[in-house]
Structures are given as structure tokens and as C-alpha cells.
Amino acid sequence: MYKAPQYTDSNTLRKLDQLLNDVRSHGCPVILTGDINVHLDNPNDLQTASFNLSLVKSKMTQNLTMPTQIHGHTLDMLVTTDNAVDITDIVAEPISLSDHSLVMCSCQIKKLKKKVCR
């Protein structure tokens, strides 16, 4: 997923909130990654607060806590459904082609009970 930095209006944040709710409504394990150009390391930022509220409402977790951009901010997301995906061994390696780091991790999707996902 990518959100350009110039899109900071409330309509863009509502679309992101709707996307998280839509994805979660299917009841399947989900891993969402991307550059959303929100300073997720700054809880006082209005966009960050809106994003964090969307995560809580959709029962999803942002797994990145380290800087993912050369200026020391966390602008990228690695979001998973709560209790459905285990993320471990997260590494953010700077690369010369971008101002963002390459994020790598190990993922284990937990076995679902009863529900079939499509």
C-alpha cells in the first residue's frame, strides 16, 4: 500500500480506516505492508492518532516500531490481524535506492478454526 505524502486530508484517512475495516471483515489472517507517509513514531500527530484508532477499531496491530526512513521516522506499516499472525525477527535495513529501509520479517499465520477464507 502507498499513500503519497501530500494526501493528509480527513477523506484519505477515512478511506484508510474503511480499507482496514473491509479487510478485517473477511475474518482471514491479514498482513498489510507499505509506505503510508504518516509519522507513526509520533503519537501526538493527528494522522498517527487517526491511524492508531483505525487499528484498534479493526482489531489490527502495527508491528513496526523502529525507524524505517533515513530521517529517523517510522513511515511504513507492517499491520496484521490480532491473534492471527505472528511477526518476528523484524529488521529495517537502509538501502541506497530509497529514503526508506527494506523491511524484512518472519511471519507465521495461525491455523484458522471453522471459517473458510476466500
Protein backbone atom coordinates (compact mmCIF):
# COMPACT_ATOMS: atom_id res chain seq x y z
CA MET A 1 0.00 0.00 0.00
CA TYR A 2 1.19 3.53 -0.70
CA LYS A 3 -0.18 6.87 0.45
CA ALA A 4 1.53 9.89 -1.06
CA PRO A 5 2.71 12.49 1.49
CA GLN A 6 0.53 15.27 0.08
CA TYR A 7 -2.69 13.38 0.91
CA THR A 8 -3.20 14.42 4.52
CA ASP A 9 -6.88 15.31 4.40
CA SER A 10 -9.51 13.58 6.51
CA ASN A 11 -11.05 11.92 3.43
CA THR A 12 -7.81 9.98 2.81
CA LEU A 13 -7.71 8.89 6.44
CA ARG A 14 -11.36 7.78 6.23
CA LYS A 15 -10.50 5.67 3.17
CA LEU A 16 -7.66 4.03 5.07
CA ASP A 17 -9.99 3.36 8.01
CA GLN A 18 -12.56 1.84 5.64
CA LEU A 19 -9.89 -0.33 4.00
CA LEU A 20 -8.79 -1.73 7.37
CA ASN A 21 -12.39 -2.47 8.34
CA ASP A 22 -13.16 -4.07 4.96
CA VAL A 23 -10.09 -6.28 5.09
CA ARG A 24 -10.77 -7.31 8.67
CA SER A 25 -14.44 -8.09 7.99
CA HIS A 26 -13.48 -11.17 5.97
CA GLY A 27 -12.20 -12.87 9.12
CA CYS A 28 -9.00 -14.10 7.47
CA PRO A 29 -5.42 -13.56 8.66
CA VAL A 30 -4.11 -10.38 7.02
CA ILE A 31 -0.69 -8.80 6.54
CA LEU A 32 -0.66 -5.26 5.12
CA THR A 33 2.61 -3.52 4.30
CA GLY A 34 3.51 -0.24 2.73
CA ASP A 35 4.59 3.36 2.94
CA ILE A 36 1.72 5.44 4.29
CA ASN A 37 3.80 8.59 4.88
CA VAL A 38 2.42 9.12 8.37
CA HIS A 39 4.86 9.70 11.24
CA LEU A 40 3.79 6.60 13.14
CA ASP A 41 6.55 7.25 15.68
CA ASN A 42 4.80 10.46 16.79
CA PRO A 43 1.65 9.59 18.78
CA ASN A 44 0.76 13.32 19.01
CA ASP A 45 0.42 13.62 15.23
CA LEU A 46 -3.23 13.85 14.14
CA GLN A 47 -2.76 11.38 11.26
CA THR A 48 -0.98 8.93 13.58
CA ALA A 49 -3.78 9.17 16.15
CA SER A 50 -6.36 8.55 13.41
CA PHE A 51 -4.39 5.56 12.07
CA ASN A 52 -3.97 4.10 15.57
CA LEU A 53 -7.70 4.47 16.26
CA SER A 54 -8.46 2.68 12.99
CA LEU A 55 -6.17 -0.17 14.06
CA VAL A 56 -7.92 -0.51 17.42
CA LYS A 57 -11.39 -0.45 15.83
CA SER A 58 -10.43 -3.09 13.25
CA LYS A 59 -8.51 -5.23 15.80
CA MET A 60 -5.24 -4.96 13.91
CA THR A 61 -1.67 -4.29 15.06
CA GLN A 62 1.15 -2.14 13.68
CA ASN A 63 4.26 -4.28 14.17
CA LEU A 64 6.93 -1.74 13.20
CA THR A 65 8.39 0.35 15.99
CA MET A 66 11.81 1.16 14.57
CA PRO A 67 12.66 3.98 12.14
CA THR A 68 12.05 3.00 8.52
CA GLN A 69 13.16 6.22 6.86
CA ILE A 70 16.54 7.99 6.67
CA HIS A 71 15.31 10.95 8.74
CA GLY A 72 14.59 8.64 11.68
CA HIS A 73 10.82 8.31 11.37
CA THR A 74 8.53 5.30 11.09
CA LEU A 75 6.55 5.99 7.90
CA ASP A 76 5.93 2.40 6.89
CA MET A 77 3.45 -0.11 8.16
CA LEU A 78 3.51 -3.83 8.82
CA VAL A 79 -0.05 -4.37 10.01
CA THR A 80 -1.52 -7.73 10.95
CA THR A 81 -4.81 -9.02 12.28
CA ASP A 82 -4.69 -9.50 16.05
CA ASN A 83 -4.19 -13.10 17.21
CA ALA A 84 -3.98 -14.46 13.64
CA VAL A 85 -0.42 -13.70 12.55
CA ASP A 86 2.85 -13.86 14.48
CA ILE A 87 5.55 -11.48 13.26
CA THR A 88 9.12 -12.00 14.49
CA ASP A 89 12.68 -11.09 13.53
CA ILE A 90 11.78 -7.65 12.15
CA VAL A 91 14.70 -5.86 10.53
CA ALA A 92 14.77 -2.49 8.74
CA GLU A 93 17.87 -2.28 6.52
CA PRO A 94 18.74 1.03 4.83
CA ILE A 95 19.25 0.73 1.06
CA SER A 96 20.82 3.19 -1.35
CA LEU A 97 17.89 3.26 -3.82
CA SER A 98 15.35 4.84 -1.46
CA ASP A 99 14.95 7.08 1.56
CA HIS A 100 13.07 4.18 3.17
CA SER A 101 14.55 1.00 4.59
CA LEU A 102 13.92 -2.50 3.33
CA VAL A 103 11.76 -4.13 5.99
CA MET A 104 12.10 -7.89 6.45
CA CYS A 105 10.48 -10.23 8.95
CA SER A 106 9.36 -13.77 9.63
CA CYS A 107 5.62 -14.43 9.55
CA GLN A 108 3.61 -17.32 10.85
CA ILE A 109 -0.08 -17.45 10.08
CA LYS A 110 -2.03 -19.29 12.73
CA LYS A 111 -4.39 -22.05 11.77
CA LEU A 112 -8.00 -20.93 11.49
CA LYS A 113 -10.84 -22.72 13.19
CA LYS A 114 -14.10 -23.48 11.35
CA LYS A 115 -14.20 -20.48 8.98
CA VAL A 116 -13.10 -20.82 5.36
CA CYS A 117 -11.48 -17.70 3.86
CA ARG A 118 -11.72 -16.84 0.18
